Amino acid sequence: MPQPWSDLNAVDPEEAFVASLSSCHMLFFIDLARRARFVIDSYVDNAEGVLDKRPDGRMAMTRVTLRPQVQWGGESQPDAAAIADLHHRAHEACFIANSVTSEVTIEQ
């Protein structure tokens, strides 16, 4: 919501929506990587959401883009195909992503 109604120091509902998608994806991704015996040293996501009008004129979070940056540790590190598979499976498992109609994309 634009100034003067929004509080720049607070988390607004749209930011919380994006954060919930990001957090859900991260938790499933980390668990799937652990099960595959990969070690994650760091996971940071600079996720963004788009608030826009739907075709019916109502405002909605129409798109969320996740941008996870993963730093791998350990002796065995996944290749690009394995990482893409982990992201795909994490997205499929994420119950928040399964609950929304917004487009959710993952950029690596």
PDB file of N, CA and C in Angstrom:
ATOM      1  N   MET A   1       0.848  -1.170   0.000  1.00  0.00           N
ATOM      2  CA  MET A   1       0.000   0.000   0.000  1.00  0.00           C
ATOM      3  C   MET A   1       0.896   1.237   0.000  1.00  0.00           C
ATOM      4  N   PRO A   2       0.568   2.234  -0.778  1.00  0.00           N
ATOM      5  CA  PRO A   2       1.419   3.423  -0.866  1.00  0.00           C
ATOM      6  C   PRO A   2       1.355   4.278   0.398  1.00  0.00           C
ATOM      7  N   GLN A   3       2.362   5.112   0.537  1.00  0.00           N
ATOM      8  CA  GLN A   3       2.372   6.098   1.616  1.00  0.00           C
ATOM      9  C   GLN A   3       1.145   6.987   1.446  1.00  0.00           C
ATOM     10  N   PRO A   4       0.536   7.547   2.439  1.00  0.00           N
ATOM     11  CA  PRO A   4       0.983   7.549   3.827  1.00  0.00           C
ATOM     12  C   PRO A   4       0.386   6.421   4.665  1.00  0.00           C
ATOM     13  N   TRP A   5      -0.307   5.468   4.040  1.00  0.00           N
ATOM     14  CA  TRP A   5      -0.995   4.429   4.808  1.00  0.00           C
ATOM     15  C   TRP A   5      -0.098   3.269   5.221  1.00  0.00           C
ATOM     16  N   SER A   6       0.969   3.032   4.487  1.00  0.00           N
ATOM     17  CA  SER A   6       1.840   1.913   4.831  1.00  0.00           C
ATOM     18  C   SER A   6       2.934   2.381   5.791  1.00  0.00           C
ATOM     19  N   ASP A   7       3.445   1.436   6.552  1.00  0.00           N
ATOM     20  CA  ASP A   7       4.532   1.699   7.492  1.00  0.00           C
ATOM     21  C   ASP A   7       5.779   1.025   6.934  1.00  0.00           C
ATOM     22  N   LEU A   8       6.756   1.817   6.510  1.00  0.00           N
ATOM     23  CA  LEU A   8       7.966   1.266   5.894  1.00  0.00           C
ATOM     24  C   LEU A   8       8.747   0.357   6.830  1.00  0.00           C
ATOM     25  N   ASN A   9       8.536   0.477   8.145  1.00  0.00           N
ATOM     26  CA  ASN A   9       9.243  -0.356   9.109  1.00  0.00           C
ATOM     27  C   ASN A   9       8.513  -1.648   9.432  1.00  0.00           C
ATOM     28  N   ALA A  10       7.343  -1.837   8.863  1.00  0.00           N
ATOM     29  CA  ALA A  10       6.542  -3.028   9.157  1.00  0.00           C
ATOM     30  C   ALA A  10       6.512  -3.948   7.940  1.00  0.00           C
ATOM     31  N   VAL A  11       6.143  -5.189   8.177  1.00  0.00           N
ATOM     32  CA  VAL A  11       5.948  -6.151   7.098  1.00  0.00           C
ATOM     33  C   VAL A  11       4.488  -6.075   6.687  1.00  0.00           C
ATOM     34  N   ASP A  12       4.259  -5.794   5.407  1.00  0.00           N
ATOM     35  CA  ASP A  12       2.875  -5.724   4.953  1.00  0.00           C
ATOM     36  C   ASP A  12       2.420  -7.117   4.500  1.00  0.00           C
ATOM     37  N   PRO A  13       1.136  -7.325   4.306  1.00  0.00           N
ATOM     38  CA  PRO A  13       0.628  -8.658   3.939  1.00  0.00           C
ATOM     39  C   PRO A  13       1.223  -9.197   2.643  1.00  0.00           C
ATOM     40  N   GLU A  14       1.497  -8.312   1.688  1.00  0.00           N
ATOM     41  CA  GLU A  14       2.079  -8.766   0.426  1.00  0.00           C
ATOM     42  C   GLU A  14       3.497  -9.291   0.638  1.00  0.00           C
ATOM     43  N   GLU A  15       4.276  -8.600   1.469  1.00  0.00           N
ATOM     44  CA  GLU A  15       5.630  -9.073   1.782  1.00  0.00           C
ATOM     45  C   GLU A  15       5.578 -10.394   2.534  1.00  0.00           C
ATOM     46  N   ALA A  16       4.625 -10.533   3.438  1.00  0.00           N
ATOM     47  CA  ALA A  16       4.476 -11.786   4.184  1.00  0.00           C
ATOM     48  C   ALA A  16       4.096 -12.931   3.249  1.00  0.00           C
ATOM     49  N   PHE A  17       3.269 -12.650   2.251  1.00  0.00           N
ATOM     50  CA  PHE A  17       2.879 -13.656   1.261  1.00  0.00           C
ATOM     51  C   PHE A  17       4.106 -14.164   0.506  1.00  0.00           C
ATOM     52  N   VAL A  18       4.937 -13.243   0.013  1.00  0.00           N
ATOM     53  CA  VAL A  18       6.155 -13.614  -0.708  1.00  0.00           C
ATOM     54  C   VAL A  18       7.092 -14.389   0.219  1.00  0.00           C
ATOM     55  N   ALA A  19       7.245 -13.906   1.449  1.00  0.00           N
ATOM     56  CA  ALA A  19       8.130 -14.573   2.408  1.00  0.00           C
ATOM     57  C   ALA A  19       7.651 -15.982   2.728  1.00  0.00           C
ATOM     58  N   SER A  20       6.336 -16.187   2.802  1.00  0.00           N
ATOM     59  CA  SER A  20       5.837 -17.526   3.109  1.00  0.00           C
ATOM     60  C   SER A  20       6.125 -18.490   1.962  1.00  0.00           C
ATOM     61  N   LEU A  21       5.986 -18.036   0.721  1.00  0.00           N
ATOM     62  CA  LEU A  21       6.332 -18.887  -0.425  1.00  0.00           C
ATOM     63  C   LEU A  21       7.825 -19.198  -0.431  1.00  0.00           C
ATOM     64  N   SER A  22       8.637 -18.183  -0.193  1.00  0.00           N
ATOM     65  CA  SER A  22      10.082 -18.361  -0.174  1.00  0.00           C
ATOM     66  C   SER A  22      10.514 -19.318   0.930  1.00  0.00           C
ATOM     67  N   SER A  23       9.980 -19.135   2.126  1.00  0.00           N
ATOM     68  CA  SER A  23      10.347 -19.983   3.263  1.00  0.00           C
ATOM     69  C   SER A  23       9.918 -21.423   3.061  1.00  0.00           C
ATOM     70  N   CYS A  24       8.721 -21.616   2.548  1.00  0.00           N
ATOM     71  CA  CYS A  24       8.221 -22.966   2.315  1.00  0.00           C
ATOM     72  C   CYS A  24       9.106 -23.686   1.299  1.00  0.00           C
ATOM     73  N   HIS A  25       9.428 -23.003   0.205  1.00  0.00           N
ATOM     74  CA  HIS A  25      10.295 -23.593  -0.817  1.00  0.00           C
ATOM     75  C   HIS A  25      11.652 -23.941  -0.217  1.00  0.00           C
ATOM     76  N   MET A  26      12.217 -23.006   0.546  1.00  0.00           N
ATOM     77  CA  MET A  26      13.532 -23.228   1.143  1.00  0.00           C
ATOM     78  C   MET A  26      13.536 -24.455   2.047  1.00  0.00           C
ATOM     79  N   LEU A  27      12.544 -24.578   2.902  1.00  0.00           N
ATOM     80  CA  LEU A  27      12.523 -25.701   3.847  1.00  0.00           C
ATOM     81  C   LEU A  27      12.432 -27.042   3.133  1.00  0.00           C
ATOM     82  N   PHE A  28      11.595 -27.123   2.103  1.00  0.00           N
ATOM     83  CA  PHE A  28      11.517 -28.374   1.345  1.00  0.00           C
ATOM     84  C   PHE A  28      12.802 -28.621   0.564  1.00  0.00           C
ATOM     85  N   PHE A  29      13.385 -27.577  -0.025  1.00  0.00           N
ATOM     86  CA  PHE A  29      14.627 -27.715  -0.775  1.00  0.00           C
ATOM     87  C   PHE A  29      15.742 -28.239   0.131  1.00  0.00           C
ATOM     88  N   ILE A  30      15.892 -27.638   1.297  1.00  0.00           N
ATOM     89  CA  ILE A  30      16.946 -28.066   2.232  1.00  0.00           C
ATOM     90  C   ILE A  30      16.731 -29.510   2.660  1.00  0.00           C
ATOM     91  N   ASP A  31      15.490 -29.883   2.939  1.00  0.00           N
ATOM     92  CA  ASP A  31      15.211 -31.262   3.350  1.00  0.00           C
ATOM     93  C   ASP A  31      15.511 -32.252   2.223  1.00  0.00           C
ATOM     94  N   LEU A  32      15.079 -31.924   1.006  1.00  0.00           N
ATOM     95  CA  LEU A  32      15.346 -32.813  -0.125  1.00  0.00           C
ATOM     96  C   LEU A  32      16.848 -32.934  -0.391  1.00  0.00           C
ATOM     97  N   ALA A  33      17.575 -31.829  -0.271  1.00  0.00           N
ATOM     98  CA  ALA A  33      19.028 -31.875  -0.454  1.00  0.00           C
ATOM     99  C   ALA A  33      19.677 -32.739   0.623  1.00  0.00           C
ATOM    100  N   ARG A  34      19.218 -32.597   1.857  1.00  0.00           N
ATOM    101  CA  ARG A  34      19.759 -33.410   2.956  1.00  0.00           C
ATOM    102  C   ARG A  34      19.516 -34.890   2.703  1.00  0.00           C
ATOM    103  N   ARG A  35      18.315 -35.224   2.261  1.00  0.00           N
ATOM    104  CA  ARG A  35      17.987 -36.629   1.976  1.00  0.00           C
ATOM    105  C   ARG A  35      18.858 -37.190   0.858  1.00  0.00           C
ATOM    106  N   ALA A  36      19.282 -36.324  -0.062  1.00  0.00           N
ATOM    107  CA  ALA A  36      20.167 -36.744  -1.150  1.00  0.00           C
ATOM    108  C   ALA A  36      21.637 -36.696  -0.727  1.00  0.00           C
ATOM    109  N   ARG A  37      21.863 -36.393   0.538  1.00  0.00           N
ATOM    110  CA  ARG A  37      23.197 -36.343   1.142  1.00  0.00           C
ATOM    111  C   ARG A  37      24.063 -35.191   0.624  1.00  0.00           C
ATOM    112  N   PHE A  38      23.401 -34.087   0.268  1.00  0.00           N
ATOM    113  CA  PHE A  38      24.120 -32.870  -0.091  1.00  0.00           C
ATOM    114  C   PHE A  38      24.147 -31.958   1.128  1.00  0.00           C
ATOM    115  N   VAL A  39      25.203 -31.174   1.245  1.00  0.00           N
ATOM    116  CA  VAL A  39      25.375 -30.250   2.366  1.00  0.00           C
ATOM    117  C   VAL A  39      25.193 -28.824   1.846  1.00  0.00           C
ATOM    118  N   ILE A  40      24.334 -28.076   2.513  1.00  0.00           N
ATOM    119  CA  ILE A  40      24.125 -26.670   2.170  1.00  0.00           C
ATOM    120  C   ILE A  40      24.776 -25.808   3.241  1.00  0.00           C
ATOM    121  N   ASP A  41      25.698 -24.962   2.815  1.00  0.00           N
ATOM    122  CA  ASP A  41      26.345 -24.035   3.742  1.00  0.00           C
ATOM    123  C   ASP A  41      25.541 -22.751   3.896  1.00  0.00           C
ATOM    124  N   SER A  42      24.850 -22.340   2.828  1.00  0.00           N
ATOM    125  CA  SER A  42      24.113 -21.085   2.868  1.00  0.00           C
ATOM    126  C   SER A  42      22.983 -21.130   1.851  1.00  0.00           C
ATOM    127  N   TYR A  43      21.850 -20.532   2.226  1.00  0.00           N
ATOM    128  CA  TYR A  43      20.699 -20.417   1.328  1.00  0.00           C
ATOM    129  C   TYR A  43      20.105 -19.035   1.552  1.00  0.00           C
ATOM    130  N   VAL A  44      20.120 -18.207   0.514  1.00  0.00           N
ATOM    131  CA  VAL A  44      19.581 -16.853   0.584  1.00  0.00           C
ATOM    132  C   VAL A  44      18.665 -16.663  -0.616  1.00  0.00           C
ATOM    133  N   ASP A  45      17.493 -16.113  -0.386  1.00  0.00           N
ATOM    134  CA  ASP A  45      16.538 -15.897  -1.469  1.00  0.00           C
ATOM    135  C   ASP A  45      16.149 -14.420  -1.518  1.00  0.00           C
ATOM    136  N   ASN A  46      16.331 -13.816  -2.666  1.00  0.00           N
ATOM    137  CA  ASN A  46      15.919 -12.433  -2.885  1.00  0.00           C
ATOM    138  C   ASN A  46      14.613 -12.458  -3.676  1.00  0.00           C
ATOM    139  N   ALA A  47      13.571 -12.963  -3.047  1.00  0.00           N
ATOM    140  CA  ALA A  47      12.277 -13.148  -3.705  1.00  0.00           C
ATOM    141  C   ALA A  47      11.561 -11.823  -3.908  1.00  0.00           C
ATOM    142  N   GLU A  48      10.761 -11.770  -4.973  1.00  0.00           N
ATOM    143  CA  GLU A  48       9.964 -10.583  -5.270  1.00  0.00           C
ATOM    144  C   GLU A  48       8.563 -10.998  -5.669  1.00  0.00           C
ATOM    145  N   GLY A  49       7.608 -10.140  -5.349  1.00  0.00           N
ATOM    146  CA  GLY A  49       6.236 -10.377  -5.745  1.00  0.00           C
ATOM    147  C   GLY A  49       5.696  -9.198  -6.525  1.00  0.00           C
ATOM    148  N   VAL A  50       4.714  -9.475  -7.358  1.00  0.00           N
ATOM    149  CA  VAL A  50       4.074  -8.434  -8.156  1.00  0.00           C
ATOM    150  C   VAL A  50       2.610  -8.336  -7.748  1.00  0.00           C
ATOM    151  N   LEU A  51       2.209  -7.146  -7.336  1.00  0.00           N
ATOM    152  CA  LEU A  51       0.821  -6.842  -7.016  1.00  0.00           C
ATOM    153  C   LEU A  51       0.256  -6.126  -8.233  1.00  0.00           C
ATOM    154  N   ASP A  52      -0.776  -6.715  -8.844  1.00  0.00           N
ATOM    155  CA  ASP A  52      -1.291  -6.177 -10.092  1.00  0.00           C
ATOM    156  C   ASP A  52      -2.789  -6.458 -10.189  1.00  0.00           C
ATOM    157  N   LYS A  53      -3.414  -5.835 -11.156  1.00  0.00           N
ATOM    158  CA  LYS A  53      -4.839  -6.097 -11.385  1.00  0.00           C
ATOM    159  C   LYS A  53      -5.007  -7.381 -12.182  1.00  0.00           C
ATOM    160  N   ARG A  54      -5.951  -8.190 -11.758  1.00  0.00           N
ATOM    161  CA  ARG A  54      -6.335  -9.378 -12.513  1.00  0.00           C
ATOM    162  C   ARG A  54      -7.220  -8.944 -13.682  1.00  0.00           C
ATOM    163  N   PRO A  55      -7.507  -9.852 -14.611  1.00  0.00           N
ATOM    164  CA  PRO A  55      -8.399  -9.497 -15.729  1.00  0.00           C
ATOM    165  C   PRO A  55      -9.765  -8.980 -15.279  1.00  0.00           C
ATOM    166  N   ASP A  56     -10.215  -9.420 -14.089  1.00  0.00           N
ATOM    167  CA  ASP A  56     -11.514  -8.945 -13.599  1.00  0.00           C
ATOM    168  C   ASP A  56     -11.420  -7.597 -12.883  1.00  0.00           C
ATOM    169  N   GLY A  57     -10.220  -6.996 -12.856  1.00  0.00           N
ATOM    170  CA  GLY A  57     -10.033  -5.681 -12.254  1.00  0.00           C
ATOM    171  C   GLY A  57      -9.681  -5.691 -10.778  1.00  0.00           C
ATOM    172  N   ARG A  58      -9.719  -6.845 -10.136  1.00  0.00           N
ATOM    173  CA  ARG A  58      -9.383  -6.927  -8.709  1.00  0.00           C
ATOM    174  C   ARG A  58      -7.872  -7.018  -8.533  1.00  0.00           C
ATOM    175  N   MET A  59      -7.375  -6.433  -7.435  1.00  0.00           N
ATOM    176  CA  MET A  59      -5.950  -6.478  -7.134  1.00  0.00           C
ATOM    177  C   MET A  59      -5.596  -7.838  -6.546  1.00  0.00           C
ATOM    178  N   ALA A  60      -4.420  -8.353  -6.951  1.00  0.00           N
ATOM    179  CA  ALA A  60      -3.962  -9.652  -6.453  1.00  0.00           C
ATOM    180  C   ALA A  60      -2.445  -9.736  -6.599  1.00  0.00           C
ATOM    181  N   MET A  61      -1.848 -10.614  -5.825  1.00  0.00           N
ATOM    182  CA  MET A  61      -0.449 -10.959  -6.020  1.00  0.00           C
ATOM    183  C   MET A  61      -0.440 -11.896  -7.226  1.00  0.00           C
ATOM    184  N   THR A  62      -0.036 -11.372  -8.372  1.00  0.00           N
ATOM    185  CA  THR A  62      -0.145 -12.133  -9.608  1.00  0.00           C
ATOM    186  C   THR A  62       1.077 -12.977  -9.928  1.00  0.00           C
ATOM    187  N   ARG A  63       2.232 -12.590  -9.380  1.00  0.00           N
ATOM    188  CA  ARG A  63       3.450 -13.327  -9.697  1.00  0.00           C
ATOM    189  C   ARG A  63       4.434 -13.206  -8.543  1.00  0.00           C
ATOM    190  N   VAL A  64       5.102 -14.316  -8.245  1.00  0.00           N
ATOM    191  CA  VAL A  64       6.179 -14.324  -7.258  1.00  0.00           C
ATOM    192  C   VAL A  64       7.384 -14.989  -7.916  1.00  0.00           C
ATOM    193  N   THR A  65       8.531 -14.346  -7.807  1.00  0.00           N
ATOM    194  CA  THR A  65       9.770 -14.909  -8.346  1.00  0.00           C
ATOM    195  C   THR A  65      10.711 -15.191  -7.186  1.00  0.00           C
ATOM    196  N   LEU A  66      11.114 -16.443  -7.072  1.00  0.00           N
ATOM    197  CA  LEU A  66      12.092 -16.848  -6.070  1.00  0.00           C
ATOM    198  C   LEU A  66      13.464 -16.834  -6.736  1.00  0.00           C
ATOM    199  N   ARG A  67      14.457 -16.326  -6.027  1.00  0.00           N
ATOM    200  CA  ARG A  67      15.824 -16.263  -6.553  1.00  0.00           C
ATOM    201  C   ARG A  67      16.804 -16.845  -5.532  1.00  0.00           C
ATOM    202  N   PRO A  68      16.682 -18.133  -5.253  1.00  0.00           N
ATOM    203  CA  PRO A  68      17.564 -18.729  -4.246  1.00  0.00           C
ATOM    204  C   PRO A  68      19.015 -18.800  -4.716  1.00  0.00           C
ATOM    205  N   GLN A  69      19.892 -18.411  -3.835  1.00  0.00           N
ATOM    206  CA  GLN A  69      21.334 -18.533  -4.047  1.00  0.00           C
ATOM    207  C   GLN A  69      21.839 -19.530  -3.014  1.00  0.00           C
ATOM    208  N   VAL A  70      22.305 -20.673  -3.481  1.00  0.00           N
ATOM    209  CA  VAL A  70      22.707 -21.765  -2.592  1.00  0.00           C
ATOM    210  C   VAL A  70      24.217 -21.941  -2.665  1.00  0.00           C
ATOM    211  N   GLN A  71      24.832 -21.986  -1.499  1.00  0.00           N
ATOM    212  CA  GLN A  71      26.253 -22.302  -1.393  1.00  0.00           C
ATOM    213  C   GLN A  71      26.354 -23.727  -0.855  1.00  0.00           C
ATOM    214  N   TRP A  72      27.013 -24.573  -1.610  1.00  0.00           N
ATOM    215  CA  TRP A  72      27.113 -25.984  -1.248  1.00  0.00           C
ATOM    216  C   TRP A  72      28.406 -26.260  -0.511  1.00  0.00           C
ATOM    217  N   GLY A  73      28.362 -27.201   0.410  1.00  0.00           N
ATOM    218  CA  GLY A  73      29.540 -27.645   1.137  1.00  0.00           C
ATOM    219  C   GLY A  73      29.681 -29.150   0.959  1.00  0.00           C
ATOM    220  N   GLY A  74      30.530 -29.729   1.739  1.00  0.00           N
ATOM    221  CA  GLY A  74      30.684 -31.180   1.695  1.00  0.00           C
ATOM    222  C   GLY A  74      31.472 -31.647   0.485  1.00  0.00           C
ATOM    223  N   GLU A  75      31.666 -32.951   0.428  1.00  0.00           N
ATOM    224  CA  GLU A  75      32.473 -33.546  -0.633  1.00  0.00           C
ATOM    225  C   GLU A  75      31.697 -33.722  -1.936  1.00  0.00           C
ATOM    226  N   SER A  76      30.416 -34.062  -1.834  1.00  0.00           N
ATOM    227  CA  SER A  76      29.597 -34.310  -3.013  1.00  0.00           C
ATOM    228  C   SER A  76      28.667 -33.126  -3.246  1.00  0.00           C
ATOM    229  N   GLN A  77      28.801 -32.504  -4.415  1.00  0.00           N
ATOM    230  CA  GLN A  77      27.960 -31.352  -4.729  1.00  0.00           C
ATOM    231  C   GLN A  77      27.114 -31.667  -5.966  1.00  0.00           C
ATOM    232  N   PRO A  78      25.870 -31.217  -5.963  1.00  0.00           N
ATOM    233  CA  PRO A  78      24.985 -31.536  -7.087  1.00  0.00           C
ATOM    234  C   PRO A  78      25.350 -30.759  -8.351  1.00  0.00           C
ATOM    235  N   ASP A  79      25.089 -31.377  -9.493  1.00  0.00           N
ATOM    236  CA  ASP A  79      25.269 -30.660 -10.754  1.00  0.00           C
ATOM    237  C   ASP A  79      24.004 -29.849 -11.048  1.00  0.00           C
ATOM    238  N   ALA A  80      24.027 -29.115 -12.156  1.00  0.00           N
ATOM    239  CA  ALA A  80      22.905 -28.223 -12.487  1.00  0.00           C
ATOM    240  C   ALA A  80      21.591 -28.983 -12.623  1.00  0.00           C
ATOM    241  N   ALA A  81      21.621 -30.170 -13.206  1.00  0.00           N
ATOM    242  CA  ALA A  81      20.398 -30.956 -13.371  1.00  0.00           C
ATOM    243  C   ALA A  81      19.835 -31.400 -12.022  1.00  0.00           C
ATOM    244  N   ALA A  82      20.707 -31.788 -11.107  1.00  0.00           N
ATOM    245  CA  ALA A  82      20.259 -32.210  -9.773  1.00  0.00           C
ATOM    246  C   ALA A  82      19.673 -31.030  -8.998  1.00  0.00           C
ATOM    247  N   ILE A  83      20.287 -29.858  -9.152  1.00  0.00           N
ATOM    248  CA  ILE A  83      19.783 -28.662  -8.472  1.00  0.00           C
ATOM    249  C   ILE A  83      18.405 -28.292  -9.027  1.00  0.00           C
ATOM    250  N   ALA A  84      18.263 -28.322 -10.336  1.00  0.00           N
ATOM    251  CA  ALA A  84      16.961 -28.032 -10.951  1.00  0.00           C
ATOM    252  C   ALA A  84      15.908 -29.021 -10.473  1.00  0.00           C
ATOM    253  N   ASP A  85      16.277 -30.280 -10.350  1.00  0.00           N
ATOM    254  CA  ASP A  85      15.347 -31.295  -9.858  1.00  0.00           C
ATOM    255  C   ASP A  85      14.952 -31.026  -8.404  1.00  0.00           C
ATOM    256  N   LEU A  86      15.907 -30.640  -7.582  1.00  0.00           N
ATOM    257  CA  LEU A  86      15.602 -30.306  -6.184  1.00  0.00           C
ATOM    258  C   LEU A  86      14.623 -29.142  -6.110  1.00  0.00           C
ATOM    259  N   HIS A  87      14.841 -28.109  -6.931  1.00  0.00           N
ATOM    260  CA  HIS A  87      13.919 -26.968  -6.943  1.00  0.00           C
ATOM    261  C   HIS A  87      12.536 -27.387  -7.428  1.00  0.00           C
ATOM    262  N   HIS A  88      12.491 -28.195  -8.468  1.00  0.00           N
ATOM    263  CA  HIS A  88      11.192 -28.662  -8.985  1.00  0.00           C
ATOM    264  C   HIS A  88      10.436 -29.456  -7.920  1.00  0.00           C
ATOM    265  N   ARG A  89      11.119 -30.377  -7.284  1.00  0.00           N
ATOM    266  CA  ARG A  89      10.473 -31.207  -6.252  1.00  0.00           C
ATOM    267  C   ARG A  89      10.076 -30.382  -5.035  1.00  0.00           C
ATOM    268  N   ALA A  90      10.902 -29.396  -4.668  1.00  0.00           N
ATOM    269  CA  ALA A  90      10.553 -28.521  -3.535  1.00  0.00           C
ATOM    270  C   ALA A  90       9.305 -27.713  -3.863  1.00  0.00           C
ATOM    271  N   HIS A  91       9.224 -27.210  -5.083  1.00  0.00           N
ATOM    272  CA  HIS A  91       8.046 -26.436  -5.483  1.00  0.00           C
ATOM    273  C   HIS A  91       6.795 -27.311  -5.485  1.00  0.00           C
ATOM    274  N   GLU A  92       6.919 -28.523  -5.994  1.00  0.00           N
ATOM    275  CA  GLU A  92       5.781 -29.442  -6.025  1.00  0.00           C
ATOM    276  C   GLU A  92       5.313 -29.804  -4.614  1.00  0.00           C
ATOM    277  N   ALA A  93       6.236 -29.890  -3.662  1.00  0.00           N
ATOM    278  CA  ALA A  93       5.902 -30.291  -2.293  1.00  0.00           C
ATOM    279  C   ALA A  93       5.404 -29.136  -1.433  1.00  0.00           C
ATOM    280  N   CYS A  94       5.739 -27.919  -1.809  1.00  0.00           N
ATOM    281  CA  CYS A  94       5.415 -26.753  -0.977  1.00  0.00           C
ATOM    282  C   CYS A  94       3.905 -26.540  -0.898  1.00  0.00           C
ATOM    283  N   PHE A  95       3.360 -26.697   0.281  1.00  0.00           N
ATOM    284  CA  PHE A  95       1.908 -26.568   0.453  1.00  0.00           C
ATOM    285  C   PHE A  95       1.431 -25.137   0.299  1.00  0.00           C
ATOM    286  N   ILE A  96       2.301 -24.160   0.501  1.00  0.00           N
ATOM    287  CA  ILE A  96       1.906 -22.767   0.260  1.00  0.00           C
ATOM    288  C   ILE A  96       1.759 -22.549  -1.249  1.00  0.00           C
ATOM    289  N   ALA A  97       2.748 -22.991  -2.030  1.00  0.00           N
ATOM    290  CA  ALA A  97       2.663 -22.861  -3.489  1.00  0.00           C
ATOM    291  C   ALA A  97       1.450 -23.612  -4.030  1.00  0.00           C
ATOM    292  N   ASN A  98       1.126 -24.743  -3.420  1.00  0.00           N
ATOM    293  CA  ASN A  98      -0.033 -25.530  -3.861  1.00  0.00           C
ATOM    294  C   ASN A  98      -1.356 -24.865  -3.486  1.00  0.00           C
ATOM    295  N   SER A  99      -1.313 -23.830  -2.655  1.00  0.00           N
ATOM    296  CA  SER A  99      -2.524 -23.182  -2.159  1.00  0.00           C
ATOM    297  C   SER A  99      -2.859 -21.874  -2.864  1.00  0.00           C
ATOM    298  N   VAL A 100      -1.996 -21.412  -3.763  1.00  0.00           N
ATOM    299  CA  VAL A 100      -2.213 -20.108  -4.374  1.00  0.00           C
ATOM    300  C   VAL A 100      -2.395 -20.216  -5.884  1.00  0.00           C
ATOM    301  N   THR A 101      -3.002 -19.187  -6.457  1.00  0.00           N
ATOM    302  CA  THR A 101      -3.175 -19.143  -7.908  1.00  0.00           C
ATOM    303  C   THR A 101      -2.136 -18.250  -8.574  1.00  0.00           C
ATOM    304  N   SER A 102      -1.302 -17.583  -7.797  1.00  0.00           N
ATOM    305  CA  SER A 102      -0.249 -16.740  -8.350  1.00  0.00           C
ATOM    306  C   SER A 102       0.756 -17.589  -9.118  1.00  0.00           C
ATOM    307  N   GLU A 103       1.320 -17.020 -10.161  1.00  0.00           N
ATOM    308  CA  GLU A 103       2.418 -17.677 -10.869  1.00  0.00           C
ATOM    309  C   GLU A 103       3.640 -17.609  -9.973  1.00  0.00           C
ATOM    310  N   VAL A 104       4.299 -18.744  -9.773  1.00  0.00           N
ATOM    311  CA  VAL A 104       5.524 -18.794  -8.977  1.00  0.00           C
ATOM    312  C   VAL A 104       6.631 -19.350  -9.858  1.00  0.00           C
ATOM    313  N   THR A 105       7.702 -18.580 -10.039  1.00  0.00           N
ATOM    314  CA  THR A 105       8.842 -19.040 -10.827  1.00  0.00           C
ATOM    315  C   THR A 105      10.090 -19.031  -9.960  1.00  0.00           C
ATOM    316  N   ILE A 106      11.052 -19.845 -10.372  1.00  0.00           N
ATOM    317  CA  ILE A 106      12.307 -19.961  -9.640  1.00  0.00           C
ATOM    318  C   ILE A 106      13.426 -19.635 -10.604  1.00  0.00           C
ATOM    319  N   GLU A 107      14.213 -18.625 -10.286  1.00  0.00           N
ATOM    320  CA  GLU A 107      15.368 -18.247 -11.085  1.00  0.00           C
ATOM    321  C   GLU A 107      16.618 -18.634 -10.314  1.00  0.00           C
ATOM    322  N   GLN A 108      17.540 -19.295 -11.003  1.00  0.00           N
ATOM    323  CA  GLN A 108      18.785 -19.702 -10.354  1.00  0.00           C
ATOM    324  C   GLN A 108      19.935 -18.892 -10.858  1.00  0.00           C
TER     325      GLN A 108
END
